[in-house]
Amino acid sequence: IVIPAALRKEMKLKPGDDLVARVEDGRLILETRDAVLRDIQRRFAAVAKGVSLVDELIAQRRAEAAKENQG
């Protein structure tokens, strides 16, 4: 994919920079890895230190499975 010079300049892209591509609502979205990382960090900033999201997810799934087995 060739990204026009004006867009590369606006995004401050340099030769060799990595981009992350995804499809959203039928559109191709290109983002720098740094932008993706900042977004992920922002989304999880509210998680308290010492909280394991993996442990919470496993506990949640186990509780859902227990409910299904009871009913």
PDB file of N, CA and C in Angstrom:
ATOM      1  N   ILE A   1       0.862  -1.166   0.000  1.00  0.00           N
ATOM      2  CA  ILE A   1       0.000   0.000   0.000  1.00  0.00           C
ATOM      3  C   ILE A   1       0.910   1.231   0.000  1.00  0.00           C
ATOM      4  N   VAL A   2       0.630   2.134  -0.894  1.00  0.00           N
ATOM      5  CA  VAL A   2       1.378   3.384  -0.945  1.00  0.00           C
ATOM      6  C   VAL A   2       0.552   4.449  -0.231  1.00  0.00           C
ATOM      7  N   ILE A   3       1.148   5.059   0.761  1.00  0.00           N
ATOM      8  CA  ILE A   3       0.471   6.116   1.505  1.00  0.00           C
ATOM      9  C   ILE A   3       0.954   7.451   0.937  1.00  0.00           C
ATOM     10  N   PRO A   4       0.026   8.282   0.492  1.00  0.00           N
ATOM     11  CA  PRO A   4       0.424   9.568  -0.093  1.00  0.00           C
ATOM     12  C   PRO A   4       1.306  10.384   0.852  1.00  0.00           C
ATOM     13  N   ALA A   5       2.222  11.138   0.257  1.00  0.00           N
ATOM     14  CA  ALA A   5       3.196  11.921   1.028  1.00  0.00           C
ATOM     15  C   ALA A   5       2.528  12.860   2.023  1.00  0.00           C
ATOM     16  N   ALA A   6       1.439  13.493   1.630  1.00  0.00           N
ATOM     17  CA  ALA A   6       0.752  14.429   2.532  1.00  0.00           C
ATOM     18  C   ALA A   6       0.252  13.707   3.788  1.00  0.00           C
ATOM     19  N   LEU A   7      -0.263  12.489   3.618  1.00  0.00           N
ATOM     20  CA  LEU A   7      -0.737  11.722   4.775  1.00  0.00           C
ATOM     21  C   LEU A   7       0.433  11.246   5.629  1.00  0.00           C
ATOM     22  N   ARG A   8       1.515  10.813   4.976  1.00  0.00           N
ATOM     23  CA  ARG A   8       2.696  10.388   5.739  1.00  0.00           C
ATOM     24  C   ARG A   8       3.227  11.544   6.574  1.00  0.00           C
ATOM     25  N   LYS A   9       3.226  12.737   5.985  1.00  0.00           N
ATOM     26  CA  LYS A   9       3.711  13.923   6.704  1.00  0.00           C
ATOM     27  C   LYS A   9       2.799  14.245   7.883  1.00  0.00           C
ATOM     28  N   GLU A  10       1.484  14.198   7.647  1.00  0.00           N
ATOM     29  CA  GLU A  10       0.522  14.497   8.712  1.00  0.00           C
ATOM     30  C   GLU A  10       0.638  13.509   9.868  1.00  0.00           C
ATOM     31  N   MET A  11       0.899  12.239   9.538  1.00  0.00           N
ATOM     32  CA  MET A  11       1.030  11.210  10.566  1.00  0.00           C
ATOM     33  C   MET A  11       2.453  11.121  11.118  1.00  0.00           C
ATOM     34  N   LYS A  12       3.356  11.941  10.570  1.00  0.00           N
ATOM     35  CA  LYS A  12       4.765  11.937  10.987  1.00  0.00           C
ATOM     36  C   LYS A  12       5.403  10.556  10.816  1.00  0.00           C
ATOM     37  N   LEU A  13       5.073   9.901   9.695  1.00  0.00           N
ATOM     38  CA  LEU A  13       5.621   8.580   9.412  1.00  0.00           C
ATOM     39  C   LEU A  13       6.993   8.706   8.781  1.00  0.00           C
ATOM     40  N   LYS A  14       7.872   7.786   9.198  1.00  0.00           N
ATOM     41  CA  LYS A  14       9.211   7.724   8.643  1.00  0.00           C
ATOM     42  C   LYS A  14       9.375   6.378   7.937  1.00  0.00           C
ATOM     43  N   PRO A  15      10.287   6.283   6.993  1.00  0.00           N
ATOM     44  CA  PRO A  15      10.522   4.987   6.339  1.00  0.00           C
ATOM     45  C   PRO A  15      10.811   3.912   7.376  1.00  0.00           C
ATOM     46  N   GLY A  16      10.151   2.787   7.236  1.00  0.00           N
ATOM     47  CA  GLY A  16      10.351   1.663   8.155  1.00  0.00           C
ATOM     48  C   GLY A  16       9.406   1.646   9.339  1.00  0.00           C
ATOM     49  N   ASP A  17       8.621   2.707   9.535  1.00  0.00           N
ATOM     50  CA  ASP A  17       7.636   2.706  10.628  1.00  0.00           C
ATOM     51  C   ASP A  17       6.607   1.606  10.390  1.00  0.00           C
ATOM     52  N   ASP A  18       6.217   0.932  11.461  1.00  0.00           N
ATOM     53  CA  ASP A  18       5.193  -0.108  11.376  1.00  0.00           C
ATOM     54  C   ASP A  18       3.818   0.495  11.582  1.00  0.00           C
ATOM     55  N   LEU A  19       2.860  -0.010  10.826  1.00  0.00           N
ATOM     56  CA  LEU A  19       1.471   0.388  10.992  1.00  0.00           C
ATOM     57  C   LEU A  19       0.645  -0.840  11.332  1.00  0.00           C
ATOM     58  N   VAL A  20      -0.410  -0.627  12.090  1.00  0.00           N
ATOM     59  CA  VAL A  20      -1.365  -1.681  12.423  1.00  0.00           C
ATOM     60  C   VAL A  20      -2.602  -1.413  11.577  1.00  0.00           C
ATOM     61  N   ALA A  21      -3.065  -2.447  10.882  1.00  0.00           N
ATOM     62  CA  ALA A  21      -4.246  -2.306  10.024  1.00  0.00           C
ATOM     63  C   ALA A  21      -5.399  -3.092  10.619  1.00  0.00           C
ATOM     64  N   ARG A  22      -6.596  -2.501  10.536  1.00  0.00           N
ATOM     65  CA  ARG A  22      -7.814  -3.193  10.974  1.00  0.00           C
ATOM     66  C   ARG A  22      -8.971  -2.682  10.132  1.00  0.00           C
ATOM     67  N   VAL A  23     -10.027  -3.475  10.090  1.00  0.00           N
ATOM     68  CA  VAL A  23     -11.230  -3.080   9.364  1.00  0.00           C
ATOM     69  C   VAL A  23     -12.295  -2.736  10.386  1.00  0.00           C
ATOM     70  N   GLU A  24     -12.915  -1.587  10.208  1.00  0.00           N
ATOM     71  CA  GLU A  24     -13.971  -1.130  11.113  1.00  0.00           C
ATOM     72  C   GLU A  24     -15.101  -0.556  10.275  1.00  0.00           C
ATOM     73  N   ASP A  25     -16.273  -1.161  10.374  1.00  0.00           N
ATOM     74  CA  ASP A  25     -17.452  -0.709   9.613  1.00  0.00           C
ATOM     75  C   ASP A  25     -17.145  -0.572   8.124  1.00  0.00           C
ATOM     76  N   GLY A  26     -16.422  -1.558   7.575  1.00  0.00           N
ATOM     77  CA  GLY A  26     -16.120  -1.553   6.155  1.00  0.00           C
ATOM     78  C   GLY A  26     -15.032  -0.586   5.742  1.00  0.00           C
ATOM     79  N   ARG A  27     -14.345   0.021   6.712  1.00  0.00           N
ATOM     80  CA  ARG A  27     -13.265   0.965   6.421  1.00  0.00           C
ATOM     81  C   ARG A  27     -11.940   0.363   6.859  1.00  0.00           C
ATOM     82  N   LEU A  28     -10.882   0.661   6.118  1.00  0.00           N
ATOM     83  CA  LEU A  28      -9.544   0.250   6.502  1.00  0.00           C
ATOM     84  C   LEU A  28      -8.944   1.344   7.372  1.00  0.00           C
ATOM     85  N   ILE A  29      -8.535   0.965   8.582  1.00  0.00           N
ATOM     86  CA  ILE A  29      -7.946   1.908   9.531  1.00  0.00           C
ATOM     87  C   ILE A  29      -6.464   1.551   9.669  1.00  0.00           C
ATOM     88  N   LEU A  30      -5.597   2.529   9.457  1.00  0.00           N
ATOM     89  CA  LEU A  30      -4.164   2.353   9.658  1.00  0.00           C
ATOM     90  C   LEU A  30      -3.739   3.235  10.815  1.00  0.00           C
ATOM     91  N   GLU A  31      -3.027   2.631  11.780  1.00  0.00           N
ATOM     92  CA  GLU A  31      -2.552   3.375  12.942  1.00  0.00           C
ATOM     93  C   GLU A  31      -1.108   2.995  13.212  1.00  0.00           C
ATOM     94  N   THR A  32      -0.378   3.915  13.797  1.00  0.00           N
ATOM     95  CA  THR A  32       0.976   3.573  14.211  1.00  0.00           C
ATOM     96  C   THR A  32       0.892   2.668  15.441  1.00  0.00           C
ATOM     97  N   ARG A  33       1.936   1.900  15.644  1.00  0.00           N
ATOM     98  CA  ARG A  33       1.961   1.043  16.834  1.00  0.00           C
ATOM     99  C   ARG A  33       1.895   1.883  18.100  1.00  0.00           C
ATOM    100  N   ASP A  34       2.556   3.033  18.076  1.00  0.00           N
ATOM    101  CA  ASP A  34       2.532   3.912  19.251  1.00  0.00           C
ATOM    102  C   ASP A  34       1.109   4.380  19.557  1.00  0.00           C
ATOM    103  N   ALA A  35       0.332   4.702  18.523  1.00  0.00           N
ATOM    104  CA  ALA A  35      -1.048   5.145  18.726  1.00  0.00           C
ATOM    105  C   ALA A  35      -1.885   4.020  19.317  1.00  0.00           C
ATOM    106  N   VAL A  36      -1.674   2.803  18.844  1.00  0.00           N
ATOM    107  CA  VAL A  36      -2.412   1.647  19.375  1.00  0.00           C
ATOM    108  C   VAL A  36      -2.040   1.422  20.835  1.00  0.00           C
ATOM    109  N   LEU A  37      -0.754   1.503  21.136  1.00  0.00           N
ATOM    110  CA  LEU A  37      -0.296   1.319  22.515  1.00  0.00           C
ATOM    111  C   LEU A  37      -0.881   2.373  23.442  1.00  0.00           C
ATOM    112  N   ARG A  38      -0.870   3.648  23.019  1.00  0.00           N
ATOM    113  CA  ARG A  38      -1.460   4.717  23.842  1.00  0.00           C
ATOM    114  C   ARG A  38      -2.947   4.453  24.097  1.00  0.00           C
ATOM    115  N   ASP A  39      -3.666   3.982  23.082  1.00  0.00           N
ATOM    116  CA  ASP A  39      -5.094   3.700  23.237  1.00  0.00           C
ATOM    117  C   ASP A  39      -5.317   2.572  24.243  1.00  0.00           C
ATOM    118  N   ILE A  40      -4.525   1.523  24.139  1.00  0.00           N
ATOM    119  CA  ILE A  40      -4.657   0.400  25.080  1.00  0.00           C
ATOM    120  C   ILE A  40      -4.338   0.854  26.500  1.00  0.00           C
ATOM    121  N   GLN A  41      -3.270   1.633  26.656  1.00  0.00           N
ATOM    122  CA  GLN A  41      -2.908   2.122  27.990  1.00  0.00           C
ATOM    123  C   GLN A  41      -4.007   3.013  28.562  1.00  0.00           C
ATOM    124  N   ARG A  42      -4.619   3.840  27.728  1.00  0.00           N
ATOM    125  CA  ARG A  42      -5.703   4.714  28.178  1.00  0.00           C
ATOM    126  C   ARG A  42      -6.906   3.883  28.623  1.00  0.00           C
ATOM    127  N   ARG A  43      -7.221   2.852  27.850  1.00  0.00           N
ATOM    128  CA  ARG A  43      -8.386   2.015  28.178  1.00  0.00           C
ATOM    129  C   ARG A  43      -8.224   1.285  29.506  1.00  0.00           C
ATOM    130  N   PHE A  44      -7.000   0.895  29.834  1.00  0.00           N
ATOM    131  CA  PHE A  44      -6.777   0.107  31.044  1.00  0.00           C
ATOM    132  C   PHE A  44      -6.182   0.921  32.190  1.00  0.00           C
ATOM    133  N   ALA A  45      -6.102   2.223  32.044  1.00  0.00           N
ATOM    134  CA  ALA A  45      -5.525   3.076  33.083  1.00  0.00           C
ATOM    135  C   ALA A  45      -6.323   3.016  34.379  1.00  0.00           C
ATOM    136  N   ALA A  46      -7.610   2.761  34.290  1.00  0.00           N
ATOM    137  CA  ALA A  46      -8.466   2.757  35.477  1.00  0.00           C
ATOM    138  C   ALA A  46      -8.369   1.454  36.279  1.00  0.00           C
ATOM    139  N   VAL A  47      -7.678   0.455  35.751  1.00  0.00           N
ATOM    140  CA  VAL A  47      -7.553  -0.821  36.461  1.00  0.00           C
ATOM    141  C   VAL A  47      -6.581  -0.627  37.620  1.00  0.00           C
ATOM    142  N   ALA A  48      -7.041  -0.973  38.811  1.00  0.00           N
ATOM    143  CA  ALA A  48      -6.223  -0.793  40.011  1.00  0.00           C
ATOM    144  C   ALA A  48      -4.986  -1.692  39.970  1.00  0.00           C
ATOM    145  N   LYS A  49      -3.900  -1.190  40.537  1.00  0.00           N
ATOM    146  CA  LYS A  49      -2.676  -1.993  40.614  1.00  0.00           C
ATOM    147  C   LYS A  49      -2.957  -3.239  41.448  1.00  0.00           C
ATOM    148  N   GLY A  50      -2.383  -4.343  41.033  1.00  0.00           N
ATOM    149  CA  GLY A  50      -2.565  -5.595  41.758  1.00  0.00           C
ATOM    150  C   GLY A  50      -3.786  -6.379  41.315  1.00  0.00           C
ATOM    151  N   VAL A  51      -4.616  -5.791  40.438  1.00  0.00           N
ATOM    152  CA  VAL A  51      -5.795  -6.490  39.934  1.00  0.00           C
ATOM    153  C   VAL A  51      -5.390  -7.260  38.693  1.00  0.00           C
ATOM    154  N   SER A  52      -5.724  -8.537  38.677  1.00  0.00           N
ATOM    155  CA  SER A  52      -5.437  -9.360  37.515  1.00  0.00           C
ATOM    156  C   SER A  52      -6.704  -9.490  36.681  1.00  0.00           C
ATOM    157  N   LEU A  53      -6.704  -8.871  35.511  1.00  0.00           N
ATOM    158  CA  LEU A  53      -7.879  -8.978  34.641  1.00  0.00           C
ATOM    159  C   LEU A  53      -8.095 -10.410  34.181  1.00  0.00           C
ATOM    160  N   VAL A  54      -7.012 -11.158  34.037  1.00  0.00           N
ATOM    161  CA  VAL A  54      -7.126 -12.562  33.641  1.00  0.00           C
ATOM    162  C   VAL A  54      -7.851 -13.348  34.728  1.00  0.00           C
ATOM    163  N   ASP A  55      -7.440 -13.157  35.984  1.00  0.00           N
ATOM    164  CA  ASP A  55      -8.098 -13.863  37.084  1.00  0.00           C
ATOM    165  C   ASP A  55      -9.566 -13.478  37.182  1.00  0.00           C
ATOM    166  N   GLU A  56      -9.874 -12.205  36.988  1.00  0.00           N
ATOM    167  CA  GLU A  56     -11.266 -11.763  37.046  1.00  0.00           C
ATOM    168  C   GLU A  56     -12.088 -12.377  35.915  1.00  0.00           C
ATOM    169  N   LEU A  57     -11.509 -12.452  34.727  1.00  0.00           N
ATOM    170  CA  LEU A  57     -12.218 -13.048  33.602  1.00  0.00           C
ATOM    171  C   LEU A  57     -12.468 -14.532  33.831  1.00  0.00           C
ATOM    172  N   ILE A  58     -11.469 -15.233  34.332  1.00  0.00           N
ATOM    173  CA  ILE A  58     -11.642 -16.664  34.620  1.00  0.00           C
ATOM    174  C   ILE A  58     -12.724 -16.867  35.667  1.00  0.00           C
ATOM    175  N   ALA A  59     -12.717 -16.072  36.722  1.00  0.00           N
ATOM    176  CA  ALA A  59     -13.740 -16.192  37.763  1.00  0.00           C
ATOM    177  C   ALA A  59     -15.126 -15.921  37.192  1.00  0.00           C
ATOM    178  N   GLN A  60     -15.214 -14.927  36.330  1.00  0.00           N
ATOM    179  CA  GLN A  60     -16.497 -14.591  35.710  1.00  0.00           C
ATOM    180  C   GLN A  60     -16.995 -15.755  34.843  1.00  0.00           C
ATOM    181  N   ARG A  61     -16.115 -16.332  34.067  1.00  0.00           N
ATOM    182  CA  ARG A  61     -16.501 -17.458  33.194  1.00  0.00           C
ATOM    183  C   ARG A  61     -16.911 -18.667  34.022  1.00  0.00           C
ATOM    184  N   ARG A  62     -16.203 -18.913  35.112  1.00  0.00           N
ATOM    185  CA  ARG A  62     -16.553 -20.043  35.980  1.00  0.00           C
ATOM    186  C   ARG A  62     -17.930 -19.834  36.605  1.00  0.00           C
ATOM    187  N   ALA A  63     -18.231 -18.614  37.036  1.00  0.00           N
ATOM    188  CA  ALA A  63     -19.534 -18.313  37.605  1.00  0.00           C
ATOM    189  C   ALA A  63     -20.636 -18.500  36.560  1.00  0.00           C
ATOM    190  N   GLU A  64     -20.390 -18.073  35.322  1.00  0.00           N
ATOM    191  CA  GLU A  64     -21.370 -18.270  34.263  1.00  0.00           C
ATOM    192  C   GLU A  64     -21.580 -19.747  33.976  1.00  0.00           C
ATOM    193  N   ALA A  65     -20.510 -20.530  33.967  1.00  0.00           N
ATOM    194  CA  ALA A  65     -20.610 -21.978  33.715  1.00  0.00           C
ATOM    195  C   ALA A  65     -21.381 -22.655  34.843  1.00  0.00           C
ATOM    196  N   ALA A  66     -21.142 -22.223  36.091  1.00  0.00           N
ATOM    197  CA  ALA A  66     -21.863 -22.796  37.226  1.00  0.00           C
ATOM    198  C   ALA A  66     -23.356 -22.529  37.118  1.00  0.00           C
ATOM    199  N   LYS A  67     -23.713 -21.307  36.694  1.00  0.00           N
ATOM    200  CA  LYS A  67     -25.131 -20.976  36.504  1.00  0.00           C
ATOM    201  C   LYS A  67     -25.768 -21.851  35.434  1.00  0.00           C
ATOM    202  N   GLU A  68     -25.038 -22.051  34.345  1.00  0.00           N
ATOM    203  CA  GLU A  68     -25.559 -22.883  33.252  1.00  0.00           C
ATOM    204  C   GLU A  68     -25.751 -24.321  33.701  1.00  0.00           C
ATOM    205  N   ASN A  69     -24.856 -24.832  34.530  1.00  0.00           N
ATOM    206  CA  ASN A  69     -24.935 -26.210  35.010  1.00  0.00           C
ATOM    207  C   ASN A  69     -26.075 -26.384  36.008  1.00  0.00           C
ATOM    208  N   GLN A  70     -26.452 -25.343  36.714  1.00  0.00           N
ATOM    209  CA  GLN A  70     -27.548 -25.408  37.688  1.00  0.00           C
ATOM    210  C   GLN A  70     -28.899 -25.369  37.000  1.00  0.00           C
ATOM    211  N   GLY A  71     -28.998 -24.634  35.900  1.00  0.00           N
ATOM    212  CA  GLY A  71     -30.288 -24.420  35.271  1.00  0.00           C
ATOM    213  C   GLY A  71     -30.507 -25.293  34.143  1.00  0.00           C
TER     214      GLY A  71
END
